[in-house]
Amino acid sequence: MKILIAEDNFIGAMLLEILLQEHGYQPILVRTGKEAIECLATTPDIQLLISETAMPEMDGLELLSKMKEHPDWQQIPVIMCTALSDTDTVKRAIALGCKHYVLKPINGEALMRKVESLLDDVTPVLMDMSQTIAQLGLDVSSYGKLAEAFAAQVIDAIGVVEQQIENAQPADLPISMDQLREGAATVGARRVQNAIEKLAAINEGSNADQRRTQYRMLLSELQNLLRALPLAPEAAA
């Protein structure tokens, strides 16, 4: 799992990187909130952010605020890791959706407990292959064929969703999305399944911006799923 670290202190960043690597995570380091936003925009499979509060260009609270305004990032859990312990900063971070607030110097064991508790609540992009194989009663070869066929369906769906985002008045859920939802349920792509169901639940009174926001969320989940699928055409290239 990829974890984004926004920390301008070299030693603090190194400590976080070592802790996460030792526990099997893939840390990505940036030094400012602005760099964190750029990283989020280009790396859609980040599962968690650990951020310093005081950073140049854009501080941690502003970064958190911008994340909560963005449909693709608002569900990413955030841990604030900082030397500031004033009540006002803590209250602002919590109000903005910060899940945990950790004071420096860092207690590595305590921090990793918080990281693991948050990631335990994150729904995976795709159910583990062995679980799906056991559930469906397939062998590895058959699962590979199924995953490849579903990947082609996902690619087609991405094109449909992109068209809807570009439309001045994006339409309600296309009929093809029902088939995609069924496929997602079959292979254990719960996040895509949930995104389709949220889009289907939008009532007729919703405006174009609301529908476009939901389509963007679905597009992000489809792109993540395509990267996760084994034998997907894009991944095999």
C-alpha atoms as a PDB file:
ATOM      1  CA  MET A   1       0.000   0.000   0.000  1.00  0.00           C
ATOM      2  CA  LYS A   2       1.234   3.475  -0.885  1.00  0.00           C
ATOM      3  CA  ILE A   3       1.396   6.044   1.918  1.00  0.00           C
ATOM      4  CA  LEU A   4       2.142   9.697   1.164  1.00  0.00           C
ATOM      5  CA  ILE A   5       4.400  11.533   3.642  1.00  0.00           C
ATOM      6  CA  ALA A   6       4.352  15.353   3.564  1.00  0.00           C
ATOM      7  CA  GLU A   7       7.263  16.403   5.790  1.00  0.00           C
ATOM      8  CA  ASP A   8       9.814  19.173   5.249  1.00  0.00           C
ATOM      9  CA  ASN A   9      12.159  18.009   8.024  1.00  0.00           C
ATOM     10  CA  PHE A  10      14.703  15.594   6.540  1.00  0.00           C
ATOM     11  CA  ILE A  11      15.193  13.527   9.713  1.00  0.00           C
ATOM     12  CA  GLY A  12      11.464  13.351  10.414  1.00  0.00           C
ATOM     13  CA  ALA A  13      10.779  12.233   6.851  1.00  0.00           C
ATOM     14  CA  MET A  14      13.525   9.604   7.037  1.00  0.00           C
ATOM     15  CA  LEU A  15      12.122   8.208  10.291  1.00  0.00           C
ATOM     16  CA  LEU A  16       8.623   7.887   8.832  1.00  0.00           C
ATOM     17  CA  GLU A  17       9.992   6.293   5.670  1.00  0.00           C
ATOM     18  CA  ILE A  18      11.972   3.692   7.639  1.00  0.00           C
ATOM     19  CA  LEU A  19       9.021   2.854   9.910  1.00  0.00           C
ATOM     20  CA  LEU A  20       6.643   2.363   7.006  1.00  0.00           C
ATOM     21  CA  GLN A  21       9.108   0.317   4.944  1.00  0.00           C
ATOM     22  CA  GLU A  22       9.816  -1.974   7.897  1.00  0.00           C
ATOM     23  CA  HIS A  23       6.082  -2.682   8.132  1.00  0.00           C
ATOM     24  CA  GLY A  24       5.749  -3.503   4.435  1.00  0.00           C
ATOM     25  CA  TYR A  25       4.292  -0.217   3.175  1.00  0.00           C
ATOM     26  CA  GLN A  26       5.459   1.866   0.203  1.00  0.00           C
ATOM     27  CA  PRO A  27       6.139   5.437   1.391  1.00  0.00           C
ATOM     28  CA  ILE A  28       6.207   8.381  -1.015  1.00  0.00           C
ATOM     29  CA  LEU A  29       8.002  11.492   0.282  1.00  0.00           C
ATOM     30  CA  VAL A  30       7.207  15.130  -0.497  1.00  0.00           C
ATOM     31  CA  ARG A  31       8.370  18.286   1.278  1.00  0.00           C
ATOM     32  CA  THR A  32       5.415  20.667   0.917  1.00  0.00           C
ATOM     33  CA  GLY A  33       1.641  20.626   0.776  1.00  0.00           C
ATOM     34  CA  LYS A  34       1.838  21.823  -2.820  1.00  0.00           C
ATOM     35  CA  GLU A  35       3.996  18.826  -3.759  1.00  0.00           C
ATOM     36  CA  ALA A  36       1.519  16.564  -1.946  1.00  0.00           C
ATOM     37  CA  ILE A  37      -1.342  17.877  -4.107  1.00  0.00           C
ATOM     38  CA  GLU A  38       0.719  17.253  -7.249  1.00  0.00           C
ATOM     39  CA  CYS A  39       1.501  13.725  -6.067  1.00  0.00           C
ATOM     40  CA  LEU A  40      -2.156  12.972  -5.295  1.00  0.00           C
ATOM     41  CA  ALA A  41      -3.083  14.140  -8.791  1.00  0.00           C
ATOM     42  CA  THR A  42      -0.613  11.758 -10.455  1.00  0.00           C
ATOM     43  CA  THR A  43      -0.750   8.788  -8.052  1.00  0.00           C
ATOM     44  CA  PRO A  44      -4.396   7.761  -7.586  1.00  0.00           C
ATOM     45  CA  ASP A  45      -3.740   4.648  -5.459  1.00  0.00           C
ATOM     46  CA  ILE A  46      -2.459   6.434  -2.333  1.00  0.00           C
ATOM     47  CA  GLN A  47      -4.184   4.913   0.696  1.00  0.00           C
ATOM     48  CA  LEU A  48      -3.098   7.250   3.515  1.00  0.00           C
ATOM     49  CA  LEU A  49      -1.480  10.644   4.124  1.00  0.00           C
ATOM     50  CA  ILE A  50       0.845  11.472   7.039  1.00  0.00           C
ATOM     51  CA  SER A  51       1.428  15.215   7.092  1.00  0.00           C
ATOM     52  CA  GLU A  52       3.393  17.769   9.090  1.00  0.00           C
ATOM     53  CA  THR A  53       1.313  20.801  10.029  1.00  0.00           C
ATOM     54  CA  ALA A  54       3.909  23.544   9.423  1.00  0.00           C
ATOM     55  CA  MET A  55       5.350  23.382   5.891  1.00  0.00           C
ATOM     56  CA  PRO A  56       6.412  25.973   3.301  1.00  0.00           C
ATOM     57  CA  GLU A  57       4.155  26.985   0.380  1.00  0.00           C
ATOM     58  CA  MET A  58       1.115  25.143   1.756  1.00  0.00           C
ATOM     59  CA  ASP A  59       0.764  23.974   5.357  1.00  0.00           C
ATOM     60  CA  GLY A  60      -0.790  20.709   6.485  1.00  0.00           C
ATOM     61  CA  LEU A  61      -4.164  22.198   7.406  1.00  0.00           C
ATOM     62  CA  GLU A  62      -4.550  23.842   4.001  1.00  0.00           C
ATOM     63  CA  LEU A  63      -3.530  20.576   2.359  1.00  0.00           C
ATOM     64  CA  LEU A  64      -6.156  18.710   4.377  1.00  0.00           C
ATOM     65  CA  SER A  65      -8.794  21.287   3.459  1.00  0.00           C
ATOM     66  CA  LYS A  66      -8.050  20.951  -0.267  1.00  0.00           C
ATOM     67  CA  MET A  67      -8.177  17.161  -0.034  1.00  0.00           C
ATOM     68  CA  LYS A  68     -11.623  17.208   1.548  1.00  0.00           C
ATOM     69  CA  GLU A  69     -12.893  19.422  -1.271  1.00  0.00           C
ATOM     70  CA  HIS A  70     -11.687  17.026  -3.980  1.00  0.00           C
ATOM     71  CA  PRO A  71     -13.977  14.064  -4.788  1.00  0.00           C
ATOM     72  CA  ASP A  72     -11.065  11.726  -5.545  1.00  0.00           C
ATOM     73  CA  TRP A  73      -9.161  12.467  -2.329  1.00  0.00           C
ATOM     74  CA  GLN A  74     -11.768  13.218   0.316  1.00  0.00           C
ATOM     75  CA  GLN A  75     -11.922   9.591   1.514  1.00  0.00           C
ATOM     76  CA  ILE A  76      -8.144   9.251   2.028  1.00  0.00           C
ATOM     77  CA  PRO A  77      -7.491   9.099   5.796  1.00  0.00           C
ATOM     78  CA  VAL A  78      -5.027  11.651   7.200  1.00  0.00           C
ATOM     79  CA  ILE A  79      -2.694  11.567  10.209  1.00  0.00           C
ATOM     80  CA  MET A  80      -1.231  14.898  11.327  1.00  0.00           C
ATOM     81  CA  CYS A  81       2.262  14.416  12.734  1.00  0.00           C
ATOM     82  CA  THR A  82       3.645  17.614  14.244  1.00  0.00           C
ATOM     83  CA  ALA A  83       5.397  19.376  17.117  1.00  0.00           C
ATOM     84  CA  LEU A  84       2.479  21.803  17.546  1.00  0.00           C
ATOM     85  CA  SER A  85       0.178  20.861  20.402  1.00  0.00           C
ATOM     86  CA  ASP A  86      -1.957  23.976  20.776  1.00  0.00           C
ATOM     87  CA  THR A  87      -5.669  23.293  21.187  1.00  0.00           C
ATOM     88  CA  ASP A  88      -6.730  25.502  18.276  1.00  0.00           C
ATOM     89  CA  THR A  89      -4.554  23.608  15.771  1.00  0.00           C
ATOM     90  CA  VAL A  90      -5.855  20.248  17.022  1.00  0.00           C
ATOM     91  CA  LYS A  91      -9.486  21.424  16.786  1.00  0.00           C
ATOM     92  CA  ARG A  92      -8.997  22.765  13.265  1.00  0.00           C
ATOM     93  CA  ALA A  93      -7.356  19.528  12.118  1.00  0.00           C
ATOM     94  CA  ILE A  94     -10.178  17.408  13.564  1.00  0.00           C
ATOM     95  CA  ALA A  95     -12.831  19.700  12.069  1.00  0.00           C
ATOM     96  CA  LEU A  96     -11.203  19.254   8.649  1.00  0.00           C
ATOM     97  CA  GLY A  97     -11.388  15.466   8.936  1.00  0.00           C
ATOM     98  CA  CYS A  98      -7.995  14.498  10.376  1.00  0.00           C
ATOM     99  CA  LYS A  99      -8.290  10.951  11.778  1.00  0.00           C
ATOM    100  CA  HIS A 100      -5.338  11.058  14.195  1.00  0.00           C
ATOM    101  CA  TYR A 101      -3.027  13.750  15.591  1.00  0.00           C
ATOM    102  CA  VAL A 102       0.451  12.564  16.593  1.00  0.00           C
ATOM    103  CA  LEU A 103       2.922  14.745  18.485  1.00  0.00           C
ATOM    104  CA  LYS A 104       6.683  14.756  17.935  1.00  0.00           C
ATOM    105  CA  PRO A 105       8.997  13.190  18.947  1.00  0.00           C
ATOM    106  CA  ILE A 106       7.285  10.269  17.271  1.00  0.00           C
ATOM    107  CA  ASN A 107       6.566   7.060  19.124  1.00  0.00           C
ATOM    108  CA  GLY A 108       7.016   4.606  16.249  1.00  0.00           C
ATOM    109  CA  GLU A 109       4.974   1.802  17.813  1.00  0.00           C
ATOM    110  CA  ALA A 110       2.040   4.105  18.588  1.00  0.00           C
ATOM    111  CA  LEU A 111       2.130   5.648  15.115  1.00  0.00           C
ATOM    112  CA  MET A 112       2.098   2.270  13.377  1.00  0.00           C
ATOM    113  CA  ARG A 113      -0.908   1.185  15.454  1.00  0.00           C
ATOM    114  CA  LYS A 114      -2.769   4.229  14.130  1.00  0.00           C
ATOM    115  CA  VAL A 115      -1.631   3.570  10.559  1.00  0.00           C
ATOM    116  CA  GLU A 116      -2.732  -0.059  10.686  1.00  0.00           C
ATOM    117  CA  SER A 117      -6.090   0.772  12.291  1.00  0.00           C
ATOM    118  CA  LEU A 118      -6.884   3.260   9.525  1.00  0.00           C
ATOM    119  CA  LEU A 119      -5.782   0.981   6.699  1.00  0.00           C
ATOM    120  CA  ASP A 120      -7.797  -1.904   8.132  1.00  0.00           C
ATOM    121  CA  ASP A 121     -10.880   0.202   7.348  1.00  0.00           C
ATOM    122  CA  VAL A 122      -9.841   0.857   3.741  1.00  0.00           C
ATOM    123  CA  THR A 123     -11.751  -1.236   1.224  1.00  0.00           C
ATOM    124  CA  PRO A 124      -9.239  -2.761  -1.211  1.00  0.00           C
ATOM    125  CA  VAL A 125      -9.499  -1.870  -4.898  1.00  0.00           C
ATOM    126  CA  LEU A 126      -9.720  -5.580  -5.713  1.00  0.00           C
ATOM    127  CA  MET A 127     -10.291  -8.625  -3.542  1.00  0.00           C
ATOM    128  CA  ASP A 128      -7.238 -10.840  -3.161  1.00  0.00           C
ATOM    129  CA  MET A 129      -6.986 -13.259  -6.094  1.00  0.00           C
ATOM    130  CA  SER A 130      -6.852 -16.337  -3.881  1.00  0.00           C
ATOM    131  CA  GLN A 131     -10.061 -15.294  -2.124  1.00  0.00           C
ATOM    132  CA  THR A 132     -11.862 -14.735  -5.424  1.00  0.00           C
ATOM    133  CA  ILE A 133     -10.632 -18.043  -6.863  1.00  0.00           C
ATOM    134  CA  ALA A 134     -11.875 -19.917  -3.796  1.00  0.00           C
ATOM    135  CA  GLN A 135     -15.186 -18.059  -3.811  1.00  0.00           C
ATOM    136  CA  LEU A 136     -15.868 -18.663  -7.510  1.00  0.00           C
ATOM    137  CA  GLY A 137     -14.429 -22.178  -7.631  1.00  0.00           C
ATOM    138  CA  LEU A 138     -11.943 -21.367 -10.406  1.00  0.00           C
ATOM    139  CA  ASP A 139      -8.321 -22.270 -11.052  1.00  0.00           C
ATOM    140  CA  VAL A 140      -5.647 -19.620 -11.655  1.00  0.00           C
ATOM    141  CA  SER A 141      -5.811 -19.921 -15.444  1.00  0.00           C
ATOM    142  CA  SER A 142      -9.588 -19.511 -15.536  1.00  0.00           C
ATOM    143  CA  TYR A 143      -9.411 -16.550 -13.180  1.00  0.00           C
ATOM    144  CA  GLY A 144      -6.837 -14.943 -15.471  1.00  0.00           C
ATOM    145  CA  LYS A 145      -9.191 -15.245 -18.446  1.00  0.00           C
ATOM    146  CA  LEU A 146     -12.045 -13.793 -16.400  1.00  0.00           C
ATOM    147  CA  ALA A 147      -9.899 -10.894 -15.173  1.00  0.00           C
ATOM    148  CA  GLU A 148      -8.706 -10.133 -18.710  1.00  0.00           C
ATOM    149  CA  ALA A 149     -12.268 -10.069 -20.044  1.00  0.00           C
ATOM    150  CA  PHE A 150     -13.372  -7.847 -17.189  1.00  0.00           C
ATOM    151  CA  ALA A 151     -10.401  -5.517 -17.797  1.00  0.00           C
ATOM    152  CA  ALA A 152     -11.624  -4.999 -21.370  1.00  0.00           C
ATOM    153  CA  GLN A 153     -15.049  -4.158 -19.959  1.00  0.00           C
ATOM    154  CA  VAL A 154     -13.454  -1.658 -17.574  1.00  0.00           C
ATOM    155  CA  ILE A 155     -11.561   0.009 -20.444  1.00  0.00           C
ATOM    156  CA  ASP A 156     -14.837   0.445 -22.359  1.00  0.00           C
ATOM    157  CA  ALA A 157     -16.501   1.837 -19.247  1.00  0.00           C
ATOM    158  CA  ILE A 158     -13.714   4.384 -18.762  1.00  0.00           C
ATOM    159  CA  GLY A 159     -14.443   5.742 -22.231  1.00  0.00           C
ATOM    160  CA  VAL A 160     -18.175   6.003 -21.448  1.00  0.00           C
ATOM    161  CA  VAL A 161     -17.545   7.760 -18.138  1.00  0.00           C
ATOM    162  CA  GLU A 162     -15.081  10.213 -19.696  1.00  0.00           C
ATOM    163  CA  GLN A 163     -17.725  11.162 -22.274  1.00  0.00           C
ATOM    164  CA  GLN A 164     -20.269  11.763 -19.531  1.00  0.00           C
ATOM    165  CA  ILE A 165     -17.836  14.022 -17.648  1.00  0.00           C
ATOM    166  CA  GLU A 166     -17.302  16.089 -20.788  1.00  0.00           C
ATOM    167  CA  ASN A 167     -21.034  16.439 -21.481  1.00  0.00           C
ATOM    168  CA  ALA A 168     -22.616  19.773 -20.599  1.00  0.00           C
ATOM    169  CA  GLN A 169     -25.487  17.800 -19.032  1.00  0.00           C
ATOM    170  CA  PRO A 170     -24.136  14.371 -18.014  1.00  0.00           C
ATOM    171  CA  ALA A 171     -26.865  11.759 -18.272  1.00  0.00           C
ATOM    172  CA  ASP A 172     -28.062   9.306 -15.668  1.00  0.00           C
ATOM    173  CA  LEU A 173     -26.351   5.937 -15.353  1.00  0.00           C
ATOM    174  CA  PRO A 174     -25.953   4.254 -18.783  1.00  0.00           C
ATOM    175  CA  ILE A 175     -27.388   0.748 -19.101  1.00  0.00           C
ATOM    176  CA  SER A 176     -23.871  -0.662 -19.677  1.00  0.00           C
ATOM    177  CA  MET A 177     -22.987   0.276 -16.088  1.00  0.00           C
ATOM    178  CA  ASP A 178     -25.387  -2.376 -14.774  1.00  0.00           C
ATOM    179  CA  GLN A 179     -23.285  -5.055 -16.469  1.00  0.00           C
ATOM    180  CA  LEU A 180     -20.118  -3.495 -15.102  1.00  0.00           C
ATOM    181  CA  ARG A 181     -21.581  -3.468 -11.601  1.00  0.00           C
ATOM    182  CA  GLU A 182     -22.355  -7.179 -11.896  1.00  0.00           C
ATOM    183  CA  GLY A 183     -18.813  -7.874 -13.108  1.00  0.00           C
ATOM    184  CA  ALA A 184     -17.336  -5.827 -10.277  1.00  0.00           C
ATOM    185  CA  ALA A 185     -19.344  -7.817  -7.743  1.00  0.00           C
ATOM    186  CA  THR A 186     -18.127 -11.075  -9.325  1.00  0.00           C
ATOM    187  CA  VAL A 187     -14.397 -10.290  -9.123  1.00  0.00           C
ATOM    188  CA  GLY A 188     -14.572  -8.487  -5.765  1.00  0.00           C
ATOM    189  CA  ALA A 189     -14.103  -4.904  -6.993  1.00  0.00           C
ATOM    190  CA  ARG A 190     -16.195  -3.497  -4.163  1.00  0.00           C
ATOM    191  CA  ARG A 191     -15.109   0.128  -4.545  1.00  0.00           C
ATOM    192  CA  VAL A 192     -16.177   0.278  -8.195  1.00  0.00           C
ATOM    193  CA  GLN A 193     -19.404  -1.488  -7.289  1.00  0.00           C
ATOM    194  CA  ASN A 194     -20.095   1.102  -4.571  1.00  0.00           C
ATOM    195  CA  ALA A 195     -19.263   4.014  -6.909  1.00  0.00           C
ATOM    196  CA  ILE A 196     -21.727   2.714  -9.521  1.00  0.00           C
ATOM    197  CA  GLU A 197     -24.421   2.265  -6.888  1.00  0.00           C
ATOM    198  CA  LYS A 198     -23.902   5.819  -5.619  1.00  0.00           C
ATOM    199  CA  LEU A 199     -24.251   7.124  -9.164  1.00  0.00           C
ATOM    200  CA  ALA A 200     -27.384   5.061  -9.722  1.00  0.00           C
ATOM    201  CA  ALA A 201     -28.866   6.437  -6.497  1.00  0.00           C
ATOM    202  CA  ILE A 202     -28.710  10.062  -7.641  1.00  0.00           C
ATOM    203  CA  ASN A 203     -32.295  11.182  -8.054  1.00  0.00           C
ATOM    204  CA  GLU A 204     -33.724  13.048 -11.013  1.00  0.00           C
ATOM    205  CA  GLY A 205     -33.484  16.349  -9.143  1.00  0.00           C
ATOM    206  CA  SER A 206     -29.695  16.286  -9.046  1.00  0.00           C
ATOM    207  CA  ASN A 207     -27.914  18.902 -11.121  1.00  0.00           C
ATOM    208  CA  ALA A 208     -25.199  18.452 -13.744  1.00  0.00           C
ATOM    209  CA  ASP A 209     -22.366  19.312 -11.325  1.00  0.00           C
ATOM    210  CA  GLN A 210     -23.493  16.662  -8.839  1.00  0.00           C
ATOM    211  CA  ARG A 211     -23.677  13.999 -11.532  1.00  0.00           C
ATOM    212  CA  ARG A 212     -20.308  15.067 -12.946  1.00  0.00           C
ATOM    213  CA  THR A 213     -18.727  14.804  -9.470  1.00  0.00           C
ATOM    214  CA  GLN A 214     -20.041  11.256  -9.070  1.00  0.00           C
ATOM    215  CA  TYR A 215     -18.792  10.325 -12.537  1.00  0.00           C
ATOM    216  CA  ARG A 216     -15.323  11.650 -11.626  1.00  0.00           C
ATOM    217  CA  MET A 217     -15.300   9.491  -8.513  1.00  0.00           C
ATOM    218  CA  LEU A 218     -16.299   6.463 -10.600  1.00  0.00           C
ATOM    219  CA  LEU A 219     -13.598   7.260 -13.180  1.00  0.00           C
ATOM    220  CA  SER A 220     -10.930   7.370 -10.479  1.00  0.00           C
ATOM    221  CA  GLU A 221     -12.048   3.996  -9.099  1.00  0.00           C
ATOM    222  CA  LEU A 222     -12.115   2.436 -12.586  1.00  0.00           C
ATOM    223  CA  GLN A 223      -8.579   3.640 -13.303  1.00  0.00           C
ATOM    224  CA  ASN A 224      -7.355   2.232  -9.981  1.00  0.00           C
ATOM    225  CA  LEU A 225      -9.094  -1.067 -10.699  1.00  0.00           C
ATOM    226  CA  LEU A 226      -7.540  -1.361 -14.150  1.00  0.00           C
ATOM    227  CA  ARG A 227      -4.071  -1.074 -12.590  1.00  0.00           C
ATOM    228  CA  ALA A 228      -4.928  -3.720  -9.999  1.00  0.00           C
ATOM    229  CA  LEU A 229      -6.408  -6.339 -12.329  1.00  0.00           C
ATOM    230  CA  PRO A 230      -3.993  -9.184 -13.183  1.00  0.00           C
ATOM    231  CA  LEU A 231      -3.430  -9.713 -16.906  1.00  0.00           C
ATOM    232  CA  ALA A 232      -5.119  -6.381 -17.663  1.00  0.00           C
ATOM    233  CA  PRO A 233      -4.083  -5.207 -21.148  1.00  0.00           C
ATOM    234  CA  GLU A 234      -2.700  -1.906 -19.826  1.00  0.00           C
ATOM    235  CA  ALA A 235      -0.705  -3.608 -17.060  1.00  0.00           C
ATOM    236  CA  ALA A 236       0.703  -6.286 -19.349  1.00  0.00           C
ATOM    237  CA  ALA A 237       2.015  -3.745 -21.877  1.00  0.00           C
END
